[in-house]
Amino acid sequence: MKTVIVLNQDQMGHGSRELGQKILATFLRKLPSMQSATAIVFYNSGVQLLTETSPVLAELRELDEHGIDLMPCGTCVEHFGITVAAGHVSNMDAIVSEIAQADKVVTL
């Protein structure tokens, strides 16, 4: 089963940003045990998780090394004026295709 994770903000859940980033880091460290995860799509402020100053960059690089595709939205990257330090800048056509091919999509 092919699972795609969607990160549309720079934390997990709403409320405390510090807590949201902490639990997101834990989730990302545990994600390899979910063997069906094939890609993580990033849009809106979620793309900021892929910068050099991201509190979860190490976890994302580890996932990239495990073969999980990191797909930040190019329009979002341009909007925030950032440079990604992991993954490859993507576009909405590729993101829609990835989600359409997934058996399951999980949005955090």
PDB file of N, CA and C in Angstrom:
ATOM      1  N   MET A   1       0.841  -1.177   0.000  1.00  0.00           N
ATOM      2  CA  MET A   1       0.000   0.000   0.000  1.00  0.00           C
ATOM      3  C   MET A   1       0.890   1.245   0.000  1.00  0.00           C
ATOM      4  N   LYS A   2       0.644   2.123  -0.917  1.00  0.00           N
ATOM      5  CA  LYS A   2       1.430   3.347  -1.060  1.00  0.00           C
ATOM      6  C   LYS A   2       0.770   4.478  -0.273  1.00  0.00           C
ATOM      7  N   THR A   3       1.530   5.055   0.673  1.00  0.00           N
ATOM      8  CA  THR A   3       1.006   6.134   1.518  1.00  0.00           C
ATOM      9  C   THR A   3       1.805   7.403   1.295  1.00  0.00           C
ATOM     10  N   VAL A   4       1.095   8.512   1.112  1.00  0.00           N
ATOM     11  CA  VAL A   4       1.708   9.835   0.969  1.00  0.00           C
ATOM     12  C   VAL A   4       1.308  10.666   2.187  1.00  0.00           C
ATOM     13  N   ILE A   5       2.296  11.306   2.797  1.00  0.00           N
ATOM     14  CA  ILE A   5       2.079  12.198   3.930  1.00  0.00           C
ATOM     15  C   ILE A   5       2.065  13.631   3.408  1.00  0.00           C
ATOM     16  N   VAL A   6       1.131  14.440   3.878  1.00  0.00           N
ATOM     17  CA  VAL A   6       1.045  15.845   3.482  1.00  0.00           C
ATOM     18  C   VAL A   6       1.327  16.710   4.706  1.00  0.00           C
ATOM     19  N   LEU A   7       2.310  17.584   4.575  1.00  0.00           N
ATOM     20  CA  LEU A   7       2.637  18.559   5.626  1.00  0.00           C
ATOM     21  C   LEU A   7       2.360  19.951   5.065  1.00  0.00           C
ATOM     22  N   ASN A   8       1.306  20.594   5.566  1.00  0.00           N
ATOM     23  CA  ASN A   8       0.918  21.899   5.039  1.00  0.00           C
ATOM     24  C   ASN A   8       1.179  23.039   6.016  1.00  0.00           C
ATOM     25  N   GLN A   9       1.924  22.728   7.064  1.00  0.00           N
ATOM     26  CA  GLN A   9       2.347  23.758   8.006  1.00  0.00           C
ATOM     27  C   GLN A   9       3.683  23.328   8.621  1.00  0.00           C
ATOM     28  N   ASP A  10       4.318  24.221   9.351  1.00  0.00           N
ATOM     29  CA  ASP A  10       5.656  23.926   9.875  1.00  0.00           C
ATOM     30  C   ASP A  10       5.626  23.323  11.275  1.00  0.00           C
ATOM     31  N   GLN A  11       4.523  22.698  11.634  1.00  0.00           N
ATOM     32  CA  GLN A  11       4.387  22.014  12.919  1.00  0.00           C
ATOM     33  C   GLN A  11       3.283  20.972  12.781  1.00  0.00           C
ATOM     34  N   MET A  12       3.130  20.147  13.792  1.00  0.00           N
ATOM     35  CA  MET A  12       2.075  19.139  13.810  1.00  0.00           C
ATOM     36  C   MET A  12       0.990  19.619  14.759  1.00  0.00           C
ATOM     37  N   GLY A  13      -0.228  19.752  14.264  1.00  0.00           N
ATOM     38  CA  GLY A  13      -1.337  20.209  15.087  1.00  0.00           C
ATOM     39  C   GLY A  13      -1.376  21.715  15.206  1.00  0.00           C
ATOM     40  N   HIS A  14      -2.290  22.190  16.034  1.00  0.00           N
ATOM     41  CA  HIS A  14      -2.480  23.625  16.251  1.00  0.00           C
ATOM     42  C   HIS A  14      -2.192  23.944  17.711  1.00  0.00           C
ATOM     43  N   GLY A  15      -1.857  25.171  17.972  1.00  0.00           N
ATOM     44  CA  GLY A  15      -1.549  25.579  19.344  1.00  0.00           C
ATOM     45  C   GLY A  15      -0.080  25.901  19.478  1.00  0.00           C
ATOM     46  N   SER A  16       0.549  25.352  20.480  1.00  0.00           N
ATOM     47  CA  SER A  16       1.948  25.635  20.774  1.00  0.00           C
ATOM     48  C   SER A  16       2.846  25.214  19.610  1.00  0.00           C
ATOM     49  N   ARG A  17       3.550  26.183  19.039  1.00  0.00           N
ATOM     50  CA  ARG A  17       4.464  25.885  17.928  1.00  0.00           C
ATOM     51  C   ARG A  17       5.608  25.006  18.401  1.00  0.00           C
ATOM     52  N   GLU A  18       6.146  25.314  19.575  1.00  0.00           N
ATOM     53  CA  GLU A  18       7.259  24.530  20.119  1.00  0.00           C
ATOM     54  C   GLU A  18       6.849  23.060  20.294  1.00  0.00           C
ATOM     55  N   LEU A  19       5.682  22.838  20.860  1.00  0.00           N
ATOM     56  CA  LEU A  19       5.187  21.478  21.031  1.00  0.00           C
ATOM     57  C   LEU A  19       4.904  20.827  19.678  1.00  0.00           C
ATOM     58  N   GLY A  20       4.306  21.573  18.777  1.00  0.00           N
ATOM     59  CA  GLY A  20       3.996  21.051  17.449  1.00  0.00           C
ATOM     60  C   GLY A  20       5.230  20.593  16.700  1.00  0.00           C
ATOM     61  N   GLN A  21       6.328  21.327  16.820  1.00  0.00           N
ATOM     62  CA  GLN A  21       7.566  20.936  16.150  1.00  0.00           C
ATOM     63  C   GLN A  21       8.210  19.746  16.852  1.00  0.00           C
ATOM     64  N   LYS A  22       8.069  19.683  18.169  1.00  0.00           N
ATOM     65  CA  LYS A  22       8.640  18.566  18.921  1.00  0.00           C
ATOM     66  C   LYS A  22       7.936  17.255  18.551  1.00  0.00           C
ATOM     67  N   ILE A  23       6.615  17.259  18.525  1.00  0.00           N
ATOM     68  CA  ILE A  23       5.909  16.018  18.200  1.00  0.00           C
ATOM     69  C   ILE A  23       6.040  15.657  16.727  1.00  0.00           C
ATOM     70  N   LEU A  24       6.229  16.669  15.861  1.00  0.00           N
ATOM     71  CA  LEU A  24       6.475  16.377  14.450  1.00  0.00           C
ATOM     72  C   LEU A  24       7.815  15.658  14.295  1.00  0.00           C
ATOM     73  N   ALA A  25       8.831  16.100  15.015  1.00  0.00           N
ATOM     74  CA  ALA A  25      10.139  15.436  14.963  1.00  0.00           C
ATOM     75  C   ALA A  25      10.017  13.979  15.391  1.00  0.00           C
ATOM     76  N   THR A  26       9.263  13.735  16.448  1.00  0.00           N
ATOM     77  CA  THR A  26       9.058  12.354  16.900  1.00  0.00           C
ATOM     78  C   THR A  26       8.332  11.544  15.838  1.00  0.00           C
ATOM     79  N   PHE A  27       7.293  12.107  15.254  1.00  0.00           N
ATOM     80  CA  PHE A  27       6.554  11.415  14.189  1.00  0.00           C
ATOM     81  C   PHE A  27       7.483  11.052  13.031  1.00  0.00           C
ATOM     82  N   LEU A  28       8.304  12.011  12.608  1.00  0.00           N
ATOM     83  CA  LEU A  28       9.196  11.767  11.471  1.00  0.00           C
ATOM     84  C   LEU A  28      10.238  10.695  11.790  1.00  0.00           C
ATOM     85  N   ARG A  29      10.719  10.650  13.021  1.00  0.00           N
ATOM     86  CA  ARG A  29      11.666   9.601  13.414  1.00  0.00           C
ATOM     87  C   ARG A  29      11.011   8.221  13.378  1.00  0.00           C
ATOM     88  N   LYS A  30       9.725   8.151  13.688  1.00  0.00           N
ATOM     89  CA  LYS A  30       8.992   6.881  13.710  1.00  0.00           C
ATOM     90  C   LYS A  30       8.479   6.473  12.333  1.00  0.00           C
ATOM     91  N   LEU A  31       8.435   7.389  11.397  1.00  0.00           N
ATOM     92  CA  LEU A  31       7.839   7.138  10.086  1.00  0.00           C
ATOM     93  C   LEU A  31       8.435   5.956   9.326  1.00  0.00           C
ATOM     94  N   PRO A  32       9.743   5.682   9.389  1.00  0.00           N
ATOM     95  CA  PRO A  32      10.261   4.518   8.653  1.00  0.00           C
ATOM     96  C   PRO A  32       9.596   3.197   9.046  1.00  0.00           C
ATOM     97  N   SER A  33       9.057   3.109  10.254  1.00  0.00           N
ATOM     98  CA  SER A  33       8.367   1.880  10.645  1.00  0.00           C
ATOM     99  C   SER A  33       7.061   1.704   9.869  1.00  0.00           C
ATOM    100  N   MET A  34       6.570   2.771   9.304  1.00  0.00           N
ATOM    101  CA  MET A  34       5.388   2.729   8.434  1.00  0.00           C
ATOM    102  C   MET A  34       5.904   2.463   7.026  1.00  0.00           C
ATOM    103  N   GLN A  35       6.149   1.235   6.739  1.00  0.00           N
ATOM    104  CA  GLN A  35       6.850   0.855   5.521  1.00  0.00           C
ATOM    105  C   GLN A  35       6.138   1.241   4.235  1.00  0.00           C
ATOM    106  N   SER A  36       4.880   1.617   4.333  1.00  0.00           N
ATOM    107  CA  SER A  36       4.146   1.989   3.129  1.00  0.00           C
ATOM    108  C   SER A  36       4.358   3.448   2.729  1.00  0.00           C
ATOM    109  N   ALA A  37       4.981   4.249   3.600  1.00  0.00           N
ATOM    110  CA  ALA A  37       5.205   5.665   3.278  1.00  0.00           C
ATOM    111  C   ALA A  37       6.200   5.788   2.133  1.00  0.00           C
ATOM    112  N   THR A  38       5.776   6.447   1.066  1.00  0.00           N
ATOM    113  CA  THR A  38       6.626   6.586  -0.118  1.00  0.00           C
ATOM    114  C   THR A  38       7.029   8.028  -0.405  1.00  0.00           C
ATOM    115  N   ALA A  39       6.232   8.988   0.084  1.00  0.00           N
ATOM    116  CA  ALA A  39       6.527  10.389  -0.210  1.00  0.00           C
ATOM    117  C   ALA A  39       5.934  11.285   0.866  1.00  0.00           C
ATOM    118  N   ILE A  40       6.568  12.441   1.024  1.00  0.00           N
ATOM    119  CA  ILE A  40       6.015  13.504   1.854  1.00  0.00           C
ATOM    120  C   ILE A  40       5.895  14.730   0.960  1.00  0.00           C
ATOM    121  N   VAL A  41       4.694  15.269   0.890  1.00  0.00           N
ATOM    122  CA  VAL A  41       4.408  16.460   0.102  1.00  0.00           C
ATOM    123  C   VAL A  41       4.357  17.642   1.072  1.00  0.00           C
ATOM    124  N   PHE A  42       5.027  18.728   0.699  1.00  0.00           N
ATOM    125  CA  PHE A  42       5.072  19.929   1.535  1.00  0.00           C
ATOM    126  C   PHE A  42       4.464  21.082   0.749  1.00  0.00           C
ATOM    127  N   TYR A  43       3.525  21.791   1.382  1.00  0.00           N
ATOM    128  CA  TYR A  43       3.045  23.017   0.768  1.00  0.00           C
ATOM    129  C   TYR A  43       2.737  24.044   1.842  1.00  0.00           C
ATOM    130  N   ASN A  44       2.461  25.266   1.399  1.00  0.00           N
ATOM    131  CA  ASN A  44       2.298  26.417   2.276  1.00  0.00           C
ATOM    132  C   ASN A  44       3.487  26.474   3.236  1.00  0.00           C
ATOM    133  N   SER A  45       3.278  26.803   4.512  1.00  0.00           N
ATOM    134  CA  SER A  45       4.428  26.963   5.408  1.00  0.00           C
ATOM    135  C   SER A  45       5.137  25.646   5.708  1.00  0.00           C
ATOM    136  N   GLY A  46       4.572  24.526   5.289  1.00  0.00           N
ATOM    137  CA  GLY A  46       5.250  23.238   5.447  1.00  0.00           C
ATOM    138  C   GLY A  46       6.583  23.183   4.734  1.00  0.00           C
ATOM    139  N   VAL A  47       6.743  23.943   3.647  1.00  0.00           N
ATOM    140  CA  VAL A  47       8.017  23.930   2.913  1.00  0.00           C
ATOM    141  C   VAL A  47       9.166  24.450   3.766  1.00  0.00           C
ATOM    142  N   GLN A  48       8.855  25.258   4.771  1.00  0.00           N
ATOM    143  CA  GLN A  48       9.901  25.809   5.636  1.00  0.00           C
ATOM    144  C   GLN A  48      10.581  24.728   6.479  1.00  0.00           C
ATOM    145  N   LEU A  49       9.969  23.565   6.562  1.00  0.00           N
ATOM    146  CA  LEU A  49      10.586  22.453   7.284  1.00  0.00           C
ATOM    147  C   LEU A  49      11.826  21.924   6.574  1.00  0.00           C
ATOM    148  N   LEU A  50      12.009  22.283   5.322  1.00  0.00           N
ATOM    149  CA  LEU A  50      13.120  21.778   4.531  1.00  0.00           C
ATOM    150  C   LEU A  50      14.302  22.742   4.448  1.00  0.00           C
ATOM    151  N   THR A  51      14.290  23.807   5.231  1.00  0.00           N
ATOM    152  CA  THR A  51      15.398  24.767   5.202  1.00  0.00           C
ATOM    153  C   THR A  51      16.507  24.340   6.156  1.00  0.00           C
ATOM    154  N   GLU A  52      17.662  24.956   6.018  1.00  0.00           N
ATOM    155  CA  GLU A  52      18.814  24.656   6.888  1.00  0.00           C
ATOM    156  C   GLU A  52      18.522  24.924   8.356  1.00  0.00           C
ATOM    157  N   THR A  53      17.600  25.837   8.650  1.00  0.00           N
ATOM    158  CA  THR A  53      17.302  26.181  10.042  1.00  0.00           C
ATOM    159  C   THR A  53      16.131  25.380  10.612  1.00  0.00           C
ATOM    160  N   SER A  54      15.630  24.432   9.874  1.00  0.00           N
ATOM    161  CA  SER A  54      14.487  23.636  10.315  1.00  0.00           C
ATOM    162  C   SER A  54      14.833  22.783  11.536  1.00  0.00           C
ATOM    163  N   PRO A  55      13.946  22.735  12.522  1.00  0.00           N
ATOM    164  CA  PRO A  55      14.194  21.887  13.687  1.00  0.00           C
ATOM    165  C   PRO A  55      14.042  20.389  13.387  1.00  0.00           C
ATOM    166  N   VAL A  56      13.540  20.053  12.190  1.00  0.00           N
ATOM    167  CA  VAL A  56      13.353  18.640  11.834  1.00  0.00           C
ATOM    168  C   VAL A  56      14.148  18.253  10.574  1.00  0.00           C
ATOM    169  N   LEU A  57      15.126  19.071  10.216  1.00  0.00           N
ATOM    170  CA  LEU A  57      15.897  18.790   9.001  1.00  0.00           C
ATOM    171  C   LEU A  57      16.627  17.450   9.078  1.00  0.00           C
ATOM    172  N   ALA A  58      17.212  17.121  10.208  1.00  0.00           N
ATOM    173  CA  ALA A  58      17.936  15.845  10.342  1.00  0.00           C
ATOM    174  C   ALA A  58      16.999  14.668  10.103  1.00  0.00           C
ATOM    175  N   GLU A  59      15.804  14.743  10.654  1.00  0.00           N
ATOM    176  CA  GLU A  59      14.826  13.666  10.478  1.00  0.00           C
ATOM    177  C   GLU A  59      14.402  13.547   9.013  1.00  0.00           C
ATOM    178  N   LEU A  60      14.208  14.690   8.352  1.00  0.00           N
ATOM    179  CA  LEU A  60      13.811  14.667   6.945  1.00  0.00           C
ATOM    180  C   LEU A  60      14.927  14.131   6.056  1.00  0.00           C
ATOM    181  N   ARG A  61      16.158  14.503   6.341  1.00  0.00           N
ATOM    182  CA  ARG A  61      17.285  13.964   5.564  1.00  0.00           C
ATOM    183  C   ARG A  61      17.380  12.450   5.728  1.00  0.00           C
ATOM    184  N   GLU A  62      17.125  11.969   6.927  1.00  0.00           N
ATOM    185  CA  GLU A  62      17.144  10.530   7.185  1.00  0.00           C
ATOM    186  C   GLU A  62      16.057   9.831   6.362  1.00  0.00           C
ATOM    187  N   LEU A  63      14.879  10.416   6.301  1.00  0.00           N
ATOM    188  CA  LEU A  63      13.799   9.840   5.499  1.00  0.00           C
ATOM    189  C   LEU A  63      14.158   9.830   4.019  1.00  0.00           C
ATOM    190  N   ASP A  64      14.783  10.911   3.562  1.00  0.00           N
ATOM    191  CA  ASP A  64      15.234  10.998   2.175  1.00  0.00           C
ATOM    192  C   ASP A  64      16.217   9.865   1.875  1.00  0.00           C
ATOM    193  N   GLU A  65      17.121   9.604   2.801  1.00  0.00           N
ATOM    194  CA  GLU A  65      18.090   8.515   2.638  1.00  0.00           C
ATOM    195  C   GLU A  65      17.415   7.148   2.643  1.00  0.00           C
ATOM    196  N   HIS A  66      16.260   7.026   3.313  1.00  0.00           N
ATOM    197  CA  HIS A  66      15.490   5.780   3.334  1.00  0.00           C
ATOM    198  C   HIS A  66      14.623   5.620   2.081  1.00  0.00           C
ATOM    199  N   GLY A  67      14.726   6.571   1.142  1.00  0.00           N
ATOM    200  CA  GLY A  67      13.991   6.459  -0.115  1.00  0.00           C
ATOM    201  C   GLY A  67      12.616   7.084  -0.119  1.00  0.00           C
ATOM    202  N   ILE A  68      12.274   7.835   0.908  1.00  0.00           N
ATOM    203  CA  ILE A  68      10.997   8.542   0.917  1.00  0.00           C
ATOM    204  C   ILE A  68      11.184   9.872   0.200  1.00  0.00           C
ATOM    205  N   ASP A  69      10.413  10.082  -0.866  1.00  0.00           N
ATOM    206  CA  ASP A  69      10.534  11.301  -1.663  1.00  0.00           C
ATOM    207  C   ASP A  69      10.024  12.500  -0.876  1.00  0.00           C
ATOM    208  N   LEU A  70      10.823  13.564  -0.827  1.00  0.00           N
ATOM    209  CA  LEU A  70      10.437  14.820  -0.193  1.00  0.00           C
ATOM    210  C   LEU A  70      10.104  15.793  -1.308  1.00  0.00           C
ATOM    211  N   MET A  71       8.833  16.218  -1.388  1.00  0.00           N
ATOM    212  CA  MET A  71       8.343  16.989  -2.528  1.00  0.00           C
ATOM    213  C   MET A  71       7.774  18.345  -2.096  1.00  0.00           C
ATOM    214  N   PRO A  72       8.630  19.368  -1.965  1.00  0.00           N
ATOM    215  CA  PRO A  72       8.109  20.697  -1.639  1.00  0.00           C
ATOM    216  C   PRO A  72       7.531  21.387  -2.876  1.00  0.00           C
ATOM    217  N   CYS A  73       6.423  22.077  -2.675  1.00  0.00           N
ATOM    218  CA  CYS A  73       5.766  22.842  -3.733  1.00  0.00           C
ATOM    219  C   CYS A  73       6.665  24.011  -4.159  1.00  0.00           C
ATOM    220  N   GLY A  74       6.980  24.076  -5.444  1.00  0.00           N
ATOM    221  CA  GLY A  74       7.851  25.133  -5.956  1.00  0.00           C
ATOM    222  C   GLY A  74       7.272  26.522  -5.797  1.00  0.00           C
ATOM    223  N   THR A  75       5.971  26.688  -6.003  1.00  0.00           N
ATOM    224  CA  THR A  75       5.327  27.991  -5.840  1.00  0.00           C
ATOM    225  C   THR A  75       5.452  28.458  -4.392  1.00  0.00           C
ATOM    226  N   CYS A  76       5.307  27.534  -3.451  1.00  0.00           N
ATOM    227  CA  CYS A  76       5.418  27.865  -2.026  1.00  0.00           C
ATOM    228  C   CYS A  76       6.850  28.232  -1.661  1.00  0.00           C
ATOM    229  N   VAL A  77       7.812  27.479  -2.198  1.00  0.00           N
ATOM    230  CA  VAL A  77       9.230  27.775  -1.964  1.00  0.00           C
ATOM    231  C   VAL A  77       9.547  29.189  -2.448  1.00  0.00           C
ATOM    232  N   GLU A  78       9.067  29.538  -3.644  1.00  0.00           N
ATOM    233  CA  GLU A  78       9.279  30.890  -4.188  1.00  0.00           C
ATOM    234  C   GLU A  78       8.589  31.934  -3.323  1.00  0.00           C
ATOM    235  N   HIS A  79       7.367  31.660  -2.900  1.00  0.00           N
ATOM    236  CA  HIS A  79       6.611  32.621  -2.091  1.00  0.00           C
ATOM    237  C   HIS A  79       7.362  32.985  -0.812  1.00  0.00           C
ATOM    238  N   PHE A  80       7.911  31.980  -0.140  1.00  0.00           N
ATOM    239  CA  PHE A  80       8.629  32.229   1.110  1.00  0.00           C
ATOM    240  C   PHE A  80      10.082  32.641   0.867  1.00  0.00           C
ATOM    241  N   GLY A  81      10.556  32.568  -0.375  1.00  0.00           N
ATOM    242  CA  GLY A  81      11.919  32.978  -0.690  1.00  0.00           C
ATOM    243  C   GLY A  81      12.968  32.131  -0.008  1.00  0.00           C
ATOM    244  N   ILE A  82      12.734  30.818   0.034  1.00  0.00           N
ATOM    245  CA  ILE A  82      13.643  29.926   0.756  1.00  0.00           C
ATOM    246  C   ILE A  82      14.423  29.038  -0.206  1.00  0.00           C
ATOM    247  N   THR A  83      15.462  28.444   0.330  1.00  0.00           N
ATOM    248  CA  THR A  83      16.240  27.419  -0.370  1.00  0.00           C
ATOM    249  C   THR A  83      16.055  26.131   0.407  1.00  0.00           C
ATOM    250  N   VAL A  84      15.681  25.072  -0.305  1.00  0.00           N
ATOM    251  CA  VAL A  84      15.480  23.803   0.394  1.00  0.00           C
ATOM    252  C   VAL A  84      16.820  23.098   0.577  1.00  0.00           C
ATOM    253  N   ALA A  85      16.969  22.454   1.737  1.00  0.00           N
ATOM    254  CA  ALA A  85      18.211  21.757   2.082  1.00  0.00           C
ATOM    255  C   ALA A  85      18.039  20.245   2.019  1.00  0.00           C
ATOM    256  N   ALA A  86      16.850  19.797   1.662  1.00  0.00           N
ATOM    257  CA  ALA A  86      16.574  18.363   1.510  1.00  0.00           C
ATOM    258  C   ALA A  86      15.434  18.219   0.513  1.00  0.00           C
ATOM    259  N   GLY A  87      15.395  17.108  -0.176  1.00  0.00           N
ATOM    260  CA  GLY A  87      14.351  16.890  -1.170  1.00  0.00           C
ATOM    261  C   GLY A  87      14.639  17.659  -2.447  1.00  0.00           C
ATOM    262  N   HIS A  88      13.677  17.636  -3.347  1.00  0.00           N
ATOM    263  CA  HIS A  88      13.809  18.328  -4.625  1.00  0.00           C
ATOM    264  C   HIS A  88      12.547  19.135  -4.871  1.00  0.00           C
ATOM    265  N   VAL A  89      12.720  20.408  -5.194  1.00  0.00           N
ATOM    266  CA  VAL A  89      11.577  21.280  -5.438  1.00  0.00           C
ATOM    267  C   VAL A  89      10.723  20.657  -6.536  1.00  0.00           C
ATOM    268  N   SER A  90       9.433  20.604  -6.266  1.00  0.00           N
ATOM    269  CA  SER A  90       8.495  19.948  -7.155  1.00  0.00           C
ATOM    270  C   SER A  90       7.514  20.971  -7.721  1.00  0.00           C
ATOM    271  N   ASN A  91       6.495  20.475  -8.375  1.00  0.00           N
ATOM    272  CA  ASN A  91       5.439  21.346  -8.891  1.00  0.00           C
ATOM    273  C   ASN A  91       4.092  20.679  -8.647  1.00  0.00           C
ATOM    274  N   MET A  92       3.031  21.427  -8.854  1.00  0.00           N
ATOM    275  CA  MET A  92       1.709  20.915  -8.519  1.00  0.00           C
ATOM    276  C   MET A  92       1.319  19.722  -9.388  1.00  0.00           C
ATOM    277  N   ASP A  93       1.785  19.668 -10.627  1.00  0.00           N
ATOM    278  CA  ASP A  93       1.480  18.498 -11.463  1.00  0.00           C
ATOM    279  C   ASP A  93       2.039  17.223 -10.832  1.00  0.00           C
ATOM    280  N   ALA A  94       3.290  17.278 -10.374  1.00  0.00           N
ATOM    281  CA  ALA A  94       3.919  16.112  -9.755  1.00  0.00           C
ATOM    282  C   ALA A  94       3.263  15.774  -8.420  1.00  0.00           C
ATOM    283  N   ILE A  95       2.895  16.788  -7.663  1.00  0.00           N
ATOM    284  CA  ILE A  95       2.245  16.562  -6.381  1.00  0.00           C
ATOM    285  C   ILE A  95       0.876  15.911  -6.575  1.00  0.00           C
ATOM    286  N   VAL A  96       0.088  16.427  -7.511  1.00  0.00           N
ATOM    287  CA  VAL A  96      -1.226  15.839  -7.793  1.00  0.00           C
ATOM    288  C   VAL A  96      -1.069  14.405  -8.266  1.00  0.00           C
ATOM    289  N   SER A  97      -0.093  14.144  -9.111  1.00  0.00           N
ATOM    290  CA  SER A  97       0.153  12.796  -9.602  1.00  0.00           C
ATOM    291  C   SER A  97       0.522  11.852  -8.464  1.00  0.00           C
ATOM    292  N   GLU A  98       1.384  12.301  -7.564  1.00  0.00           N
ATOM    293  CA  GLU A  98       1.808  11.485  -6.416  1.00  0.00           C
ATOM    294  C   GLU A  98       0.618  11.142  -5.523  1.00  0.00           C
ATOM    295  N   ILE A  99      -0.221  12.132  -5.264  1.00  0.00           N
ATOM    296  CA  ILE A  99      -1.391  11.892  -4.423  1.00  0.00           C
ATOM    297  C   ILE A  99      -2.395  10.979  -5.133  1.00  0.00           C
ATOM    298  N   ALA A 100      -2.571  11.165  -6.434  1.00  0.00           N
ATOM    299  CA  ALA A 100      -3.516  10.343  -7.190  1.00  0.00           C
ATOM    300  C   ALA A 100      -3.097   8.876  -7.223  1.00  0.00           C
ATOM    301  N   GLN A 101      -1.812   8.610  -7.204  1.00  0.00           N
ATOM    302  CA  GLN A 101      -1.301   7.230  -7.247  1.00  0.00           C
ATOM    303  C   GLN A 101      -1.277   6.567  -5.870  1.00  0.00           C
ATOM    304  N   ALA A 102      -1.501   7.344  -4.820  1.00  0.00           N
ATOM    305  CA  ALA A 102      -1.436   6.818  -3.466  1.00  0.00           C
ATOM    306  C   ALA A 102      -2.684   5.998  -3.115  1.00  0.00           C
ATOM    307  N   ASP A 103      -2.464   4.967  -2.328  1.00  0.00           N
ATOM    308  CA  ASP A 103      -3.598   4.218  -1.782  1.00  0.00           C
ATOM    309  C   ASP A 103      -4.188   4.953  -0.580  1.00  0.00           C
ATOM    310  N   LYS A 104      -3.320   5.708   0.103  1.00  0.00           N
ATOM    311  CA  LYS A 104      -3.751   6.440   1.301  1.00  0.00           C
ATOM    312  C   LYS A 104      -2.973   7.756   1.367  1.00  0.00           C
ATOM    313  N   VAL A 105      -3.657   8.839   1.753  1.00  0.00           N
ATOM    314  CA  VAL A 105      -3.042  10.135   1.952  1.00  0.00           C
ATOM    315  C   VAL A 105      -3.327  10.568   3.379  1.00  0.00           C
ATOM    316  N   VAL A 106      -2.273  10.904   4.118  1.00  0.00           N
ATOM    317  CA  VAL A 106      -2.400  11.320   5.509  1.00  0.00           C
ATOM    318  C   VAL A 106      -1.936  12.778   5.597  1.00  0.00           C
ATOM    319  N   THR A 107      -2.833  13.658   6.042  1.00  0.00           N
ATOM    320  CA  THR A 107      -2.491  15.066   6.215  1.00  0.00           C
ATOM    321  C   THR A 107      -2.300  15.358   7.686  1.00  0.00           C
ATOM    322  N   LEU A 108      -1.148  15.939   8.030  1.00  0.00           N
ATOM    323  CA  LEU A 108      -0.870  16.273   9.430  1.00  0.00           C
ATOM    324  C   LEU A 108      -1.041  17.765   9.641  1.00  0.00           C
TER     325      LEU A 108
END
